[in-house]
Amino acid sequence: MKNILIKLQRDEELARFLESNGFSVDELENNVFRVQRDEELPVFLNVDDRQIYFEVDLGNIDSIINQELLLSLLALNTEILPVSVGLDTSHPEDRRLVLVESRETGDLSDQELLAVFDSLELAVDRVTEILAPSFNS
């Protein structure tokens, strides 16, 4: 007999779902969560009624920033979709390189949510490859 698979769907609270999948979740303030898996960089989630905004802070790059680096990072955006590299300039004296992604919460599946974290992890690796020569010179 052929193996027949049945697809199940159930609703689960965000933090509980992430914790059951190996993440630690800390609620910071105003619907902002710090989510981390193993030794990976933490992912900050800003949650509202319609969207979840994901952000990974890669640090201050003022000491290495130049046009060539920015162009390389911008070009990388086409490789690391759905994640994007950005520059957080909300504090002009401390410009931060970030990875960002967002998802609508209306029909968010478990696999879609977990895929965001996998995509962010892969993007961290690619950005690290681009940044490494700047730190080694």
Protein backbone atom coordinates (compact mmCIF):
# COMPACT_ATOMS: atom_id res chain seq x y z
CA MET A 1 0.00 0.00 0.00
CA LYS A 2 1.26 3.46 -0.88
CA ASN A 3 2.14 5.67 2.09
CA ILE A 4 -0.58 8.33 2.30
CA LEU A 5 0.23 11.52 4.20
CA ILE A 6 -2.37 13.66 5.88
CA LYS A 7 -1.65 17.37 6.31
CA LEU A 8 -2.61 18.75 9.70
CA GLN A 9 -3.20 22.39 10.55
CA ARG A 10 -3.51 23.87 14.03
CA ASP A 11 -3.02 27.25 15.61
CA GLU A 12 -0.21 27.82 18.09
CA GLU A 13 0.93 30.93 19.97
CA LEU A 14 4.13 32.36 18.46
CA ALA A 15 6.46 32.10 21.48
CA ARG A 16 5.26 28.61 22.39
CA PHE A 17 5.74 27.43 18.80
CA LEU A 18 9.28 28.81 18.61
CA GLU A 19 10.23 27.32 21.98
CA SER A 20 8.91 23.90 20.93
CA ASN A 21 11.20 24.14 17.89
CA GLY A 22 14.41 24.77 19.84
CA PHE A 23 14.42 28.57 20.10
CA SER A 24 14.74 30.62 23.26
CA VAL A 25 12.28 33.50 23.32
CA ASP A 26 12.49 36.59 25.52
CA GLU A 27 9.81 39.25 25.40
CA LEU A 28 11.57 42.61 25.69
CA GLU A 29 8.95 45.38 25.45
CA ASN A 30 6.15 46.69 23.25
CA ASN A 31 5.71 43.44 21.29
CA VAL A 32 9.45 43.05 20.64
CA PHE A 33 10.95 39.60 21.14
CA ARG A 34 14.54 38.35 21.19
CA VAL A 35 14.64 34.90 19.58
CA GLN A 36 17.75 32.74 19.43
CA ARG A 37 18.58 29.20 18.34
CA ASP A 38 21.73 27.51 19.59
CA GLU A 39 24.78 29.72 18.96
CA GLU A 40 23.21 31.73 16.14
CA LEU A 41 22.88 35.50 16.31
CA PRO A 42 19.68 36.64 17.99
CA VAL A 43 16.76 37.65 15.81
CA PHE A 44 14.60 40.51 17.01
CA LEU A 45 10.92 40.27 16.16
CA ASN A 46 8.63 43.27 16.20
CA VAL A 47 5.08 41.94 16.13
CA ASP A 48 1.91 43.86 15.34
CA ASP A 49 -1.59 42.78 14.31
CA ARG A 50 -0.67 42.32 10.65
CA GLN A 51 3.08 41.78 10.37
CA ILE A 52 6.11 40.25 12.00
CA TYR A 53 9.28 42.21 11.31
CA PHE A 54 12.52 40.24 11.69
CA GLU A 55 15.92 41.88 12.24
CA VAL A 56 19.42 40.57 12.87
CA ASP A 57 21.93 43.18 14.07
CA LEU A 58 25.33 42.52 12.50
CA GLY A 59 27.02 45.42 14.25
CA ASN A 60 28.46 48.83 13.64
CA ILE A 61 30.32 49.09 10.34
CA ASP A 62 31.50 52.69 10.49
CA SER A 63 35.16 51.65 10.69
CA ILE A 64 35.00 49.64 7.43
CA ILE A 65 32.25 51.31 5.43
CA ASN A 66 33.13 52.37 1.90
CA GLN A 67 31.42 52.50 -1.47
CA GLU A 68 32.81 49.15 -2.64
CA LEU A 69 31.56 47.38 0.49
CA LEU A 70 28.12 48.98 0.23
CA LEU A 71 27.83 48.00 -3.44
CA SER A 72 28.81 44.41 -2.59
CA LEU A 73 26.20 44.26 0.15
CA LEU A 74 23.56 45.79 -2.10
CA ALA A 75 24.32 43.23 -4.83
CA LEU A 76 24.06 40.48 -2.23
CA ASN A 77 20.38 41.33 -1.74
CA THR A 78 19.57 39.53 -5.00
CA GLU A 79 21.20 36.33 -3.68
CA ILE A 80 19.75 36.18 -0.18
CA LEU A 81 16.07 36.73 -0.93
CA PRO A 82 13.69 36.89 0.89
CA VAL A 83 16.11 38.47 3.40
CA SER A 84 17.61 41.91 2.73
CA VAL A 85 20.75 43.66 3.95
CA GLY A 86 20.09 47.13 5.28
CA LEU A 87 21.72 49.96 7.15
CA ASP A 88 19.94 51.04 10.34
CA THR A 89 20.55 54.77 10.63
CA SER A 90 18.05 55.44 13.41
CA HIS A 91 21.06 56.50 15.52
CA PRO A 92 23.36 58.38 13.07
CA GLU A 93 26.33 58.11 15.45
CA ASP A 94 25.96 54.29 15.47
CA ARG A 95 25.04 53.00 12.01
CA ARG A 96 24.28 49.29 12.17
CA LEU A 97 24.36 46.68 9.44
CA VAL A 98 21.19 44.61 9.69
CA LEU A 99 19.40 41.78 7.97
CA VAL A 100 15.66 42.30 7.67
CA GLU A 101 12.61 40.33 6.61
CA SER A 102 8.87 40.58 7.25
CA ARG A 103 5.83 38.34 7.02
CA GLU A 104 2.11 38.89 7.19
CA THR A 105 0.55 37.14 10.15
CA GLY A 106 -2.83 36.38 8.55
CA ASP A 107 -2.04 32.92 7.23
CA LEU A 108 1.49 32.26 8.50
CA SER A 109 2.38 28.57 8.42
CA ASP A 110 4.87 26.78 10.63
CA GLN A 111 7.12 25.96 7.68
CA GLU A 112 7.05 29.53 6.41
CA LEU A 113 8.04 30.89 9.82
CA LEU A 114 10.87 28.39 10.30
CA ALA A 115 12.09 29.10 6.75
CA VAL A 116 12.59 32.78 7.69
CA PHE A 117 15.00 31.79 10.45
CA ASP A 118 16.87 29.44 8.08
CA SER A 119 17.09 32.20 5.46
CA LEU A 120 18.43 34.64 8.04
CA GLU A 121 21.08 32.13 9.13
CA LEU A 122 22.23 31.60 5.55
CA ALA A 123 22.28 35.35 4.94
CA VAL A 124 24.47 35.89 8.03
CA ASP A 125 26.98 33.45 6.53
CA ARG A 126 27.00 35.23 3.14
CA VAL A 127 27.38 38.70 4.71
CA THR A 128 30.20 37.40 6.90
CA GLU A 129 32.04 36.24 3.77
CA ILE A 130 31.79 39.74 2.28
CA LEU A 131 32.81 41.49 5.50
CA ALA A 132 35.76 39.22 6.34
CA PRO A 133 38.32 40.88 4.02
CA SER A 134 37.50 44.30 5.50
CA PHE A 135 38.26 43.08 9.01
CA ASN A 136 41.36 41.14 8.00
CA SER A 137 43.09 44.05 6.24
